[in-house]
C-alpha atoms as a PDB file:
ATOM      1  CA  UNK A   1     -19.599   1.672  14.634  1.00  0.00           C
ATOM      2  CA  UNK A   2     -20.866   0.383  18.041  1.00  0.00           C
ATOM      3  CA  UNK A   3     -20.944  -3.207  16.362  1.00  0.00           C
ATOM      4  CA  UNK A   4     -17.541  -2.750  15.034  1.00  0.00           C
ATOM      5  CA  UNK A   5     -16.109  -1.754  18.446  1.00  0.00           C
ATOM      6  CA  UNK A   6     -17.876  -4.760  20.076  1.00  0.00           C
ATOM      7  CA  UNK A   7     -16.432  -7.152  17.500  1.00  0.00           C
ATOM      8  CA  UNK A   8     -13.007  -5.857  18.027  1.00  0.00           C
ATOM      9  CA  UNK A   9     -13.248  -5.695  21.855  1.00  0.00           C
ATOM     10  CA  UNK A  10     -14.306  -9.345  21.703  1.00  0.00           C
ATOM     11  CA  UNK A  11     -11.525 -10.304  19.424  1.00  0.00           C
ATOM     12  CA  UNK A  12      -8.960  -8.496  21.748  1.00  0.00           C
ATOM     13  CA  UNK A  13     -10.467 -10.047  24.968  1.00  0.00           C
ATOM     14  CA  UNK A  14     -10.651 -13.689  23.479  1.00  0.00           C
ATOM     15  CA  UNK A  15      -7.013 -13.324  22.306  1.00  0.00           C
ATOM     16  CA  UNK A  16      -5.631 -11.911  25.530  1.00  0.00           C
ATOM     17  CA  UNK A  17      -7.663 -14.627  27.616  1.00  0.00           C
ATOM     18  CA  UNK A  18      -6.570 -17.350  25.617  1.00  0.00           C
ATOM     19  CA  UNK A  19      -2.774 -16.516  25.950  1.00  0.00           C
ATOM     20  CA  UNK A  20      -3.315 -15.939  29.452  1.00  0.00           C
ATOM     21  CA  UNK A  21      -4.654 -19.436  29.870  1.00  0.00           C
ATOM     22  CA  UNK A  22      -2.135 -21.112  27.471  1.00  0.00           C
ATOM     23  CA  UNK A  23       0.914 -19.481  28.526  1.00  0.00           C
ATOM     24  CA  UNK A  24      -0.039 -19.082  32.277  1.00  0.00           C
ATOM     25  CA  UNK A  25      -0.811 -15.767  33.778  1.00  0.00           C
ATOM     26  CA  UNK A  26       1.744 -16.327  36.540  1.00  0.00           C
ATOM     27  CA  UNK A  27       4.410 -16.718  34.061  1.00  0.00           C
ATOM     28  CA  UNK A  28       3.384 -13.424  32.226  1.00  0.00           C
ATOM     29  CA  UNK A  29       3.321 -11.551  35.648  1.00  0.00           C
ATOM     30  CA  UNK A  30       6.562 -12.823  36.604  1.00  0.00           C
ATOM     31  CA  UNK A  31       8.099 -11.671  33.350  1.00  0.00           C
ATOM     32  CA  UNK A  32       6.659  -8.327  33.663  1.00  0.00           C
ATOM     33  CA  UNK A  33       7.567  -7.900  37.390  1.00  0.00           C
ATOM     34  CA  UNK A  34      11.342  -8.110  36.054  1.00  0.00           C
ATOM     35  CA  UNK A  35      10.957  -4.954  34.205  1.00  0.00           C
ATOM     36  CA  UNK A  36      13.976  -2.565  35.029  1.00  0.00           C
ATOM     37  CA  UNK A  37      12.209   0.592  35.672  1.00  0.00           C
ATOM     38  CA  UNK A  38      14.982   3.058  34.058  1.00  0.00           C
ATOM     39  CA  UNK A  39      14.859   1.022  31.059  1.00  0.00           C
ATOM     40  CA  UNK A  40      11.023   1.072  31.033  1.00  0.00           C
ATOM     41  CA  UNK A  41      11.156   5.002  31.298  1.00  0.00           C
ATOM     42  CA  UNK A  42      13.883   5.230  28.503  1.00  0.00           C
ATOM     43  CA  UNK A  43      11.509   3.423  26.390  1.00  0.00           C
ATOM     44  CA  UNK A  44       8.746   5.966  27.233  1.00  0.00           C
ATOM     45  CA  UNK A  45      11.210   8.766  26.454  1.00  0.00           C
ATOM     46  CA  UNK A  46      11.911   7.143  22.929  1.00  0.00           C
ATOM     47  CA  UNK A  47       8.029   6.621  22.277  1.00  0.00           C
ATOM     48  CA  UNK A  48       7.405  10.246  22.678  1.00  0.00           C
ATOM     49  CA  UNK A  49      10.457  11.312  20.760  1.00  0.00           C
ATOM     50  CA  UNK A  50       8.736   9.214  17.841  1.00  0.00           C
ATOM     51  CA  UNK A  51       5.736  11.345  18.303  1.00  0.00           C
ATOM     52  CA  UNK A  52       7.658  14.434  17.883  1.00  0.00           C
ATOM     53  CA  UNK A  53       9.148  12.990  14.672  1.00  0.00           C
ATOM     54  CA  UNK A  54       5.925  11.940  13.574  1.00  0.00           C
ATOM     55  CA  UNK A  55       4.357  15.295  13.885  1.00  0.00           C
ATOM     56  CA  UNK A  56       7.049  16.731  11.681  1.00  0.00           C
ATOM     57  CA  UNK A  57       6.328  14.338   9.062  1.00  0.00           C
ATOM     58  CA  UNK A  58       2.611  15.118   8.992  1.00  0.00           C
ATOM     59  CA  UNK A  59       3.619  18.919   9.081  1.00  0.00           C
ATOM     60  CA  UNK A  60       5.736  18.273   5.837  1.00  0.00           C
ATOM     61  CA  UNK A  61       2.781  16.480   4.161  1.00  0.00           C
ATOM     62  CA  UNK A  62       0.575  19.346   5.157  1.00  0.00           C
ATOM     63  CA  UNK A  63       2.839  21.942   3.608  1.00  0.00           C
ATOM     64  CA  UNK A  64       3.114  19.990   0.260  1.00  0.00           C
ATOM     65  CA  UNK A  65      -0.791  20.292   0.088  1.00  0.00           C
ATOM     66  CA  UNK A  66      -0.738  23.969   0.647  1.00  0.00           C
ATOM     67  CA  UNK A  67      -1.761  23.853   4.433  1.00  0.00           C
ATOM     68  CA  UNK A  68       0.427  26.088   6.582  1.00  0.00           C
ATOM     69  CA  UNK A  69       0.492  24.663  10.365  1.00  0.00           C
ATOM     70  CA  UNK A  70       3.223  25.579  12.834  1.00  0.00           C
ATOM     71  CA  UNK A  71       5.107  22.553  14.429  1.00  0.00           C
ATOM     72  CA  UNK A  72       3.507  23.277  17.846  1.00  0.00           C
ATOM     73  CA  UNK A  73       0.168  22.989  16.629  1.00  0.00           C
ATOM     74  CA  UNK A  74       0.894  19.807  14.313  1.00  0.00           C
ATOM     75  CA  UNK A  75       2.432  18.357  17.577  1.00  0.00           C
ATOM     76  CA  UNK A  76      -0.512  18.937  19.845  1.00  0.00           C
ATOM     77  CA  UNK A  77      -2.998  17.522  17.170  1.00  0.00           C
ATOM     78  CA  UNK A  78      -0.798  14.565  16.734  1.00  0.00           C
ATOM     79  CA  UNK A  79      -0.856  13.753  20.668  1.00  0.00           C
ATOM     80  CA  UNK A  80      -4.588  14.384  20.484  1.00  0.00           C
ATOM     81  CA  UNK A  81      -4.929  11.788  17.703  1.00  0.00           C
ATOM     82  CA  UNK A  82      -2.942   9.060  19.572  1.00  0.00           C
ATOM     83  CA  UNK A  83      -4.929   9.783  22.590  1.00  0.00           C
ATOM     84  CA  UNK A  84      -8.302   9.007  20.491  1.00  0.00           C
ATOM     85  CA  UNK A  85      -6.871   6.093  18.513  1.00  0.00           C
ATOM     86  CA  UNK A  86      -6.370   4.436  21.960  1.00  0.00           C
ATOM     87  CA  UNK A  87      -9.878   5.503  23.442  1.00  0.00           C
ATOM     88  CA  UNK A  88     -12.325   5.301  20.361  1.00  0.00           C
ATOM     89  CA  UNK A  89     -13.844   2.286  19.175  1.00  0.00           C
ATOM     90  CA  UNK A  90     -12.106   2.492  15.720  1.00  0.00           C
ATOM     91  CA  UNK A  91      -8.207   2.244  15.445  1.00  0.00           C
ATOM     92  CA  UNK A  92      -8.410   5.066  13.101  1.00  0.00           C
ATOM     93  CA  UNK A  93     -10.740   7.202  15.388  1.00  0.00           C
ATOM     94  CA  UNK A  94      -7.881   9.440  16.299  1.00  0.00           C
ATOM     95  CA  UNK A  95      -7.029  10.053  12.761  1.00  0.00           C
ATOM     96  CA  UNK A  96     -10.590  11.319  11.984  1.00  0.00           C
ATOM     97  CA  UNK A  97     -10.414  13.487  15.086  1.00  0.00           C
ATOM     98  CA  UNK A  98      -7.094  14.858  14.217  1.00  0.00           C
ATOM     99  CA  UNK A  99      -8.240  15.693  10.447  1.00  0.00           C
ATOM    100  CA  UNK A 100     -11.540  17.088  11.678  1.00  0.00           C
ATOM    101  CA  UNK A 101     -10.014  19.442  14.269  1.00  0.00           C
ATOM    102  CA  UNK A 102      -7.443  20.488  11.410  1.00  0.00           C
ATOM    103  CA  UNK A 103     -10.258  20.824   8.839  1.00  0.00           C
ATOM    104  CA  UNK A 104     -12.268  23.335  10.969  1.00  0.00           C
ATOM    105  CA  UNK A 105      -9.289  25.714  10.768  1.00  0.00           C
ATOM    106  CA  UNK A 106      -8.299  24.900   6.972  1.00  0.00           C
ATOM    107  CA  UNK A 107      -9.376  22.544   4.232  1.00  0.00           C
ATOM    108  CA  UNK A 108     -11.235  19.359   5.354  1.00  0.00           C
ATOM    109  CA  UNK A 109     -10.143  17.700   1.905  1.00  0.00           C
ATOM    110  CA  UNK A 110      -6.564  18.236   2.454  1.00  0.00           C
ATOM    111  CA  UNK A 111      -6.634  17.690   6.172  1.00  0.00           C
ATOM    112  CA  UNK A 112      -8.168  14.263   5.694  1.00  0.00           C
ATOM    113  CA  UNK A 113      -5.870  13.524   2.790  1.00  0.00           C
ATOM    114  CA  UNK A 114      -2.686  14.339   4.646  1.00  0.00           C
ATOM    115  CA  UNK A 115      -3.641  12.114   7.609  1.00  0.00           C
ATOM    116  CA  UNK A 116      -4.354   8.924   5.206  1.00  0.00           C
ATOM    117  CA  UNK A 117      -0.910   9.773   3.436  1.00  0.00           C
ATOM    118  CA  UNK A 118       0.829   9.863   6.894  1.00  0.00           C
ATOM    119  CA  UNK A 119      -0.413   6.312   7.713  1.00  0.00           C
ATOM    120  CA  UNK A 120       0.742   5.000   4.085  1.00  0.00           C
ATOM    121  CA  UNK A 121       4.204   6.720   4.436  1.00  0.00           C
ATOM    122  CA  UNK A 122       4.672   4.836   7.985  1.00  0.00           C
ATOM    123  CA  UNK A 123       3.571   1.413   6.512  1.00  0.00           C
ATOM    124  CA  UNK A 124       5.885   1.943   3.345  1.00  0.00           C
ATOM    125  CA  UNK A 125       8.786   2.704   5.988  1.00  0.00           C
ATOM    126  CA  UNK A 126       7.841  -0.791   7.955  1.00  0.00           C
ATOM    127  CA  UNK A 127       7.777  -2.638   4.722  1.00  0.00           C
ATOM    128  CA  UNK A 128      10.967  -1.187   3.612  1.00  0.00           C
ATOM    129  CA  UNK A 129      12.872  -2.131   6.988  1.00  0.00           C
ATOM    130  CA  UNK A 130      11.224  -5.777   7.029  1.00  0.00           C
ATOM    131  CA  UNK A 131      12.190  -6.496   3.250  1.00  0.00           C
ATOM    132  CA  UNK A 132      15.758  -5.127   3.873  1.00  0.00           C
ATOM    133  CA  UNK A 133      16.558  -7.010   7.128  1.00  0.00           C
ATOM    134  CA  UNK A 134      15.024 -10.166   5.476  1.00  0.00           C
ATOM    135  CA  UNK A 135      17.130  -9.635   2.169  1.00  0.00           C
ATOM    136  CA  UNK A 136      20.566  -9.707   4.480  1.00  0.00           C
ATOM    137  CA  UNK A 137      19.555 -12.046   7.398  1.00  0.00           C
ATOM    138  CA  UNK A 138      16.796 -14.260   5.942  1.00  0.00           C
ATOM    139  CA  UNK A 139      19.070 -17.189   6.796  1.00  0.00           C
ATOM    140  CA  UNK A 140      18.537 -16.473  10.524  1.00  0.00           C
ATOM    141  CA  UNK A 141      14.943 -17.159  10.602  1.00  0.00           C
ATOM    142  CA  UNK A 142      13.130 -20.402  10.687  1.00  0.00           C
ATOM    143  CA  UNK A 143      11.624 -21.439   7.134  1.00  0.00           C
ATOM    144  CA  UNK A 144       8.037 -21.456   8.346  1.00  0.00           C
ATOM    145  CA  UNK A 145       8.295 -17.928  10.112  1.00  0.00           C
ATOM    146  CA  UNK A 146      10.128 -16.571   7.030  1.00  0.00           C
ATOM    147  CA  UNK A 147       7.318 -17.863   4.662  1.00  0.00           C
ATOM    148  CA  UNK A 148       4.521 -16.391   7.025  1.00  0.00           C
ATOM    149  CA  UNK A 149       6.498 -13.069   7.320  1.00  0.00           C
ATOM    150  CA  UNK A 150       6.872 -12.682   3.537  1.00  0.00           C
ATOM    151  CA  UNK A 151       3.185 -13.478   2.997  1.00  0.00           C
ATOM    152  CA  UNK A 152       2.071 -10.724   5.231  1.00  0.00           C
ATOM    153  CA  UNK A 153       4.653  -8.072   3.813  1.00  0.00           C
ATOM    154  CA  UNK A 154       3.587  -8.945   0.207  1.00  0.00           C
ATOM    155  CA  UNK A 155      -0.305  -8.864   1.039  1.00  0.00           C
ATOM    156  CA  UNK A 156       0.361  -5.295   2.282  1.00  0.00           C
ATOM    157  CA  UNK A 157       2.522  -4.183  -0.655  1.00  0.00           C
ATOM    158  CA  UNK A 158      -0.292  -5.228  -2.930  1.00  0.00           C
ATOM    159  CA  UNK A 159      -2.997  -3.395  -0.616  1.00  0.00           C
ATOM    160  CA  UNK A 160      -1.060  -0.106  -0.589  1.00  0.00           C
ATOM    161  CA  UNK A 161      -0.534  -0.419  -4.396  1.00  0.00           C
ATOM    162  CA  UNK A 162      -4.146  -0.690  -4.865  1.00  0.00           C
ATOM    163  CA  UNK A 163      -4.882   2.304  -2.700  1.00  0.00           C
ATOM    164  CA  UNK A 164      -2.375   4.524  -4.475  1.00  0.00           C
ATOM    165  CA  UNK A 165      -2.278   3.423  -8.068  1.00  0.00           C
ATOM    166  CA  UNK A 166      -5.754   2.156  -8.961  1.00  0.00           C
ATOM    167  CA  UNK A 167      -9.303   3.347  -9.240  1.00  0.00           C
ATOM    168  CA  UNK A 168     -10.894   0.560  -7.080  1.00  0.00           C
ATOM    169  CA  UNK A 169     -11.221   2.554  -3.861  1.00  0.00           C
ATOM    170  CA  UNK A 170     -13.189   5.115  -6.036  1.00  0.00           C
ATOM    171  CA  UNK A 171     -15.389   2.506  -7.206  1.00  0.00           C
ATOM    172  CA  UNK A 172     -15.951   1.221  -3.573  1.00  0.00           C
ATOM    173  CA  UNK A 173     -16.702   4.552  -2.511  1.00  0.00           C
ATOM    174  CA  UNK A 174     -19.320   5.082  -5.027  1.00  0.00           C
ATOM    175  CA  UNK A 175     -21.084   1.589  -4.425  1.00  0.00           C
ATOM    176  CA  UNK A 176     -21.132   1.878  -0.538  1.00  0.00           C
ATOM    177  CA  UNK A 177     -21.822   5.659  -0.510  1.00  0.00           C
ATOM    178  CA  UNK A 178     -24.197   6.201  -3.510  1.00  0.00           C
ATOM    179  CA  UNK A 179     -27.182   7.118  -1.240  1.00  0.00           C
ATOM    180  CA  UNK A 180     -25.086   9.850   0.577  1.00  0.00           C
ATOM    181  CA  UNK A 181     -23.938  12.103  -2.216  1.00  0.00           C
ATOM    182  CA  UNK A 182     -22.292  14.694   0.079  1.00  0.00           C
ATOM    183  CA  UNK A 183     -20.157  11.885   1.704  1.00  0.00           C
ATOM    184  CA  UNK A 184     -19.608  10.295  -1.472  1.00  0.00           C
ATOM    185  CA  UNK A 185     -18.327  13.477  -3.088  1.00  0.00           C
ATOM    186  CA  UNK A 186     -15.984  14.385   0.092  1.00  0.00           C
ATOM    187  CA  UNK A 187     -14.521  10.937   0.097  1.00  0.00           C
ATOM    188  CA  UNK A 188     -13.763  11.140  -3.624  1.00  0.00           C
ATOM    189  CA  UNK A 189     -12.255  14.551  -3.494  1.00  0.00           C
ATOM    190  CA  UNK A 190     -10.168  13.175  -0.529  1.00  0.00           C
ATOM    191  CA  UNK A 191      -8.860  10.251  -2.714  1.00  0.00           C
ATOM    192  CA  UNK A 192      -8.327  12.571  -5.722  1.00  0.00           C
ATOM    193  CA  UNK A 193      -6.235  14.955  -3.121  1.00  0.00           C
ATOM    194  CA  UNK A 194      -4.112  11.734  -1.904  1.00  0.00           C
ATOM    195  CA  UNK A 195      -3.190  10.867  -5.533  1.00  0.00           C
ATOM    196  CA  UNK A 196      -1.720  14.419  -6.001  1.00  0.00           C
ATOM    197  CA  UNK A 197       1.223  13.760  -3.533  1.00  0.00           C
ATOM    198  CA  UNK A 198       3.768  13.235  -6.195  1.00  0.00           C
ATOM    199  CA  UNK A 199       6.648  15.616  -5.092  1.00  0.00           C
ATOM    200  CA  UNK A 200       9.592  13.368  -4.980  1.00  0.00           C
ATOM    201  CA  UNK A 201      11.546  15.812  -2.838  1.00  0.00           C
ATOM    202  CA  UNK A 202       8.804  15.740  -0.121  1.00  0.00           C
ATOM    203  CA  UNK A 203       8.328  11.957  -0.137  1.00  0.00           C
ATOM    204  CA  UNK A 204      12.051  11.693   0.361  1.00  0.00           C
ATOM    205  CA  UNK A 205      11.856  13.599   3.470  1.00  0.00           C
ATOM    206  CA  UNK A 206       8.595  11.828   4.634  1.00  0.00           C
ATOM    207  CA  UNK A 207       9.884   8.294   4.047  1.00  0.00           C
ATOM    208  CA  UNK A 208      13.327   9.322   5.567  1.00  0.00           C
ATOM    209  CA  UNK A 209      11.598  10.324   8.804  1.00  0.00           C
ATOM    210  CA  UNK A 210       9.194   7.252   8.882  1.00  0.00           C
ATOM    211  CA  UNK A 211      12.242   5.052   8.413  1.00  0.00           C
ATOM    212  CA  UNK A 212      13.965   6.691  11.400  1.00  0.00           C
ATOM    213  CA  UNK A 213      10.860   6.633  13.417  1.00  0.00           C
ATOM    214  CA  UNK A 214      10.151   3.055  12.890  1.00  0.00           C
ATOM    215  CA  UNK A 215      13.823   2.076  13.630  1.00  0.00           C
ATOM    216  CA  UNK A 216      13.288   3.964  16.834  1.00  0.00           C
ATOM    217  CA  UNK A 217      10.171   1.612  17.590  1.00  0.00           C
ATOM    218  CA  UNK A 218      12.504  -1.429  16.749  1.00  0.00           C
ATOM    219  CA  UNK A 219      15.344   0.099  19.309  1.00  0.00           C
ATOM    220  CA  UNK A 220      12.569   0.568  21.763  1.00  0.00           C
ATOM    221  CA  UNK A 221      11.374  -3.055  21.875  1.00  0.00           C
ATOM    222  CA  UNK A 222      14.914  -4.197  22.355  1.00  0.00           C
ATOM    223  CA  UNK A 223      15.204  -1.844  25.100  1.00  0.00           C
ATOM    224  CA  UNK A 224      12.006  -3.400  26.571  1.00  0.00           C
ATOM    225  CA  UNK A 225      13.433  -7.017  25.818  1.00  0.00           C
ATOM    226  CA  UNK A 226      16.832  -6.182  27.664  1.00  0.00           C
ATOM    227  CA  UNK A 227      14.605  -4.756  30.752  1.00  0.00           C
ATOM    228  CA  UNK A 228      12.722  -8.029  31.142  1.00  0.00           C
ATOM    229  CA  UNK A 229      15.962 -10.080  30.633  1.00  0.00           C
ATOM    230  CA  UNK A 230      15.575 -11.343  27.122  1.00  0.00           C
ATOM    231  CA  UNK A 231      18.916 -12.028  25.491  1.00  0.00           C
ATOM    232  CA  UNK A 232      18.637 -12.302  21.669  1.00  0.00           C
ATOM    233  CA  UNK A 233      19.914 -10.978  18.533  1.00  0.00           C
ATOM    234  CA  UNK A 234      18.914  -7.556  17.614  1.00  0.00           C
ATOM    235  CA  UNK A 235      18.319  -8.557  13.880  1.00  0.00           C
ATOM    236  CA  UNK A 236      15.115 -10.448  14.892  1.00  0.00           C
ATOM    237  CA  UNK A 237      13.667  -7.300  15.977  1.00  0.00           C
ATOM    238  CA  UNK A 238      14.314  -5.495  12.510  1.00  0.00           C
ATOM    239  CA  UNK A 239      12.418  -8.187  11.200  1.00  0.00           C
ATOM    240  CA  UNK A 240       9.542  -9.311  13.634  1.00  0.00           C
ATOM    241  CA  UNK A 241       8.592  -5.690  14.881  1.00  0.00           C
ATOM    242  CA  UNK A 242       7.842  -4.409  11.429  1.00  0.00           C
ATOM    243  CA  UNK A 243       5.804  -7.499  10.602  1.00  0.00           C
ATOM    244  CA  UNK A 244       3.871  -7.307  14.029  1.00  0.00           C
ATOM    245  CA  UNK A 245       3.158  -3.465  13.112  1.00  0.00           C
ATOM    246  CA  UNK A 246       1.761  -4.371   9.814  1.00  0.00           C
ATOM    247  CA  UNK A 247      -0.754  -6.876  11.634  1.00  0.00           C
ATOM    248  CA  UNK A 248      -1.582  -4.275  14.292  1.00  0.00           C
ATOM    249  CA  UNK A 249      -2.443  -1.874  11.709  1.00  0.00           C
ATOM    250  CA  UNK A 250      -5.386  -4.132  10.699  1.00  0.00           C
ATOM    251  CA  UNK A 251      -8.611  -2.709  12.220  1.00  0.00           C
ATOM    252  CA  UNK A 252      -9.539  -6.060  13.975  1.00  0.00           C
ATOM    253  CA  UNK A 253      -8.963  -5.285  17.642  1.00  0.00           C
ATOM    254  CA  UNK A 254      -8.625  -2.508  20.162  1.00  0.00           C
ATOM    255  CA  UNK A 255      -5.475  -0.671  19.876  1.00  0.00           C
ATOM    256  CA  UNK A 256      -3.793  -4.033  18.592  1.00  0.00           C
ATOM    257  CA  UNK A 257      -4.358  -5.456  22.059  1.00  0.00           C
ATOM    258  CA  UNK A 258      -4.096  -9.294  21.621  1.00  0.00           C
ATOM    259  CA  UNK A 259      -2.727  -9.083  18.106  1.00  0.00           C
ATOM    260  CA  UNK A 260       0.814  -7.336  18.943  1.00  0.00           C
ATOM    261  CA  UNK A 261       1.165  -9.938  21.949  1.00  0.00           C
ATOM    262  CA  UNK A 262       0.124 -12.817  19.881  1.00  0.00           C
ATOM    263  CA  UNK A 263       2.394 -11.924  16.805  1.00  0.00           C
ATOM    264  CA  UNK A 264       5.261 -11.411  19.310  1.00  0.00           C
ATOM    265  CA  UNK A 265       4.522 -14.958  20.720  1.00  0.00           C
ATOM    266  CA  UNK A 266       4.455 -16.594  17.461  1.00  0.00           C
ATOM    267  CA  UNK A 267       7.443 -14.885  15.742  1.00  0.00           C
ATOM    268  CA  UNK A 268       9.943 -14.523  18.588  1.00  0.00           C
ATOM    269  CA  UNK A 269       9.159 -17.980  19.806  1.00  0.00           C
ATOM    270  CA  UNK A 270      10.395 -19.315  16.593  1.00  0.00           C
ATOM    271  CA  UNK A 271      13.830 -18.436  17.447  1.00  0.00           C
ATOM    272  CA  UNK A 272      13.992 -19.637  20.845  1.00  0.00           C
ATOM    273  CA  UNK A 273      12.365 -16.992  23.116  1.00  0.00           C
ATOM    274  CA  UNK A 274       9.901 -18.241  25.641  1.00  0.00           C
ATOM    275  CA  UNK A 275       6.226 -17.660  24.923  1.00  0.00           C
ATOM    276  CA  UNK A 276       5.818 -15.710  28.360  1.00  0.00           C
ATOM    277  CA  UNK A 277       8.716 -13.750  27.618  1.00  0.00           C
ATOM    278  CA  UNK A 278       7.641 -12.694  24.285  1.00  0.00           C
ATOM    279  CA  UNK A 279       3.833 -12.019  25.082  1.00  0.00           C
ATOM    280  CA  UNK A 280       5.303 -10.070  27.925  1.00  0.00           C
ATOM    281  CA  UNK A 281       7.451  -7.830  25.533  1.00  0.00           C
ATOM    282  CA  UNK A 282       4.457  -7.154  23.310  1.00  0.00           C
ATOM    283  CA  UNK A 283       2.170  -6.212  26.429  1.00  0.00           C
ATOM    284  CA  UNK A 284       4.882  -3.904  27.849  1.00  0.00           C
ATOM    285  CA  UNK A 285       5.262  -2.208  24.373  1.00  0.00           C
ATOM    286  CA  UNK A 286       1.348  -1.531  24.649  1.00  0.00           C
ATOM    287  CA  UNK A 287       1.718  -0.170  27.878  1.00  0.00           C
ATOM    288  CA  UNK A 288       4.511   2.335  26.843  1.00  0.00           C
ATOM    289  CA  UNK A 289       2.083   3.348  23.865  1.00  0.00           C
ATOM    290  CA  UNK A 290      -0.850   3.760  26.168  1.00  0.00           C
ATOM    291  CA  UNK A 291       0.834   5.849  28.558  1.00  0.00           C
ATOM    292  CA  UNK A 292       2.308   8.131  25.838  1.00  0.00           C
ATOM    293  CA  UNK A 293      -1.336   8.473  24.334  1.00  0.00           C
ATOM    294  CA  UNK A 294      -2.246   9.748  27.654  1.00  0.00           C
ATOM    295  CA  UNK A 295      -0.422  12.922  27.299  1.00  0.00           C
ATOM    296  CA  UNK A 296      -2.857  13.481  24.178  1.00  0.00           C
ATOM    297  CA  UNK A 297      -5.854  13.515  26.683  1.00  0.00           C
ATOM    298  CA  UNK A 298      -4.061  16.154  28.643  1.00  0.00           C
ATOM    299  CA  UNK A 299      -3.186  18.341  25.615  1.00  0.00           C
ATOM    300  CA  UNK A 300      -6.893  17.786  24.600  1.00  0.00           C
ATOM    301  CA  UNK A 301      -8.358  19.160  27.729  1.00  0.00           C
ATOM    302  CA  UNK A 302      -6.071  21.925  27.755  1.00  0.00           C
ATOM    303  CA  UNK A 303      -6.957  23.060  24.310  1.00  0.00           C
ATOM    304  CA  UNK A 304     -10.647  22.504  24.615  1.00  0.00           C
END
């Protein structure tokens, strides 16, 4: 875990330092200094509304697995999870904490499987938004950017399909955890529980909430872009923000630092936005997320 953290920290630092060097830290600071405070606060409020929506999505998944958790508790666990996702070495550390704390009150297997399905539901919504937007507005995107975006999206579709539909994950668990029978059994039970999420009505609600949440994130990015003076087509955000979100979900950096800013710089610059503006937009988005996660730290201290 420590080695993984160090590696991700190194990747984040290298990426950020590289962008600061090649784009120019003065340009980046100048862009960030333009931020309209009222719009930044609005973005922060929308981010927190997103947490409220996500907590409801998770509560629905819990109910479907037989775990009865009131909304207030689900919300507090969700904030705590977001805090530890920011603070812990692993990008999934907060999910583990959230599932562990819930598992102490209920069933650990269902708690962990609900957290995994919550993540998967979010990724499915991201893919739906990106593919729908590309289907209608592909002609607005430069060909090379379109190819890169489609490659990222299709790769994730394949990965999610493998997780949900095949026995590959079970085989990997058996291979890597064969010596630790209790852990192996627990993980296999979690996977089995995940595959039992087949209630179409429940999935309809969950995906709908996920779509609304990620559309709010897109709007949030658009608001932040306006706050630093970026003037561009909203359609670009419907395509580029989901693609960036997919890359950020990969456990290769600390809380997506470096990856989000880099993907924004690559994608938005292809449609005429200055590198420094695109980078600053990604960085501001990270700050909004970190500030929101701090609420989870307060909740954790109070509940402790």
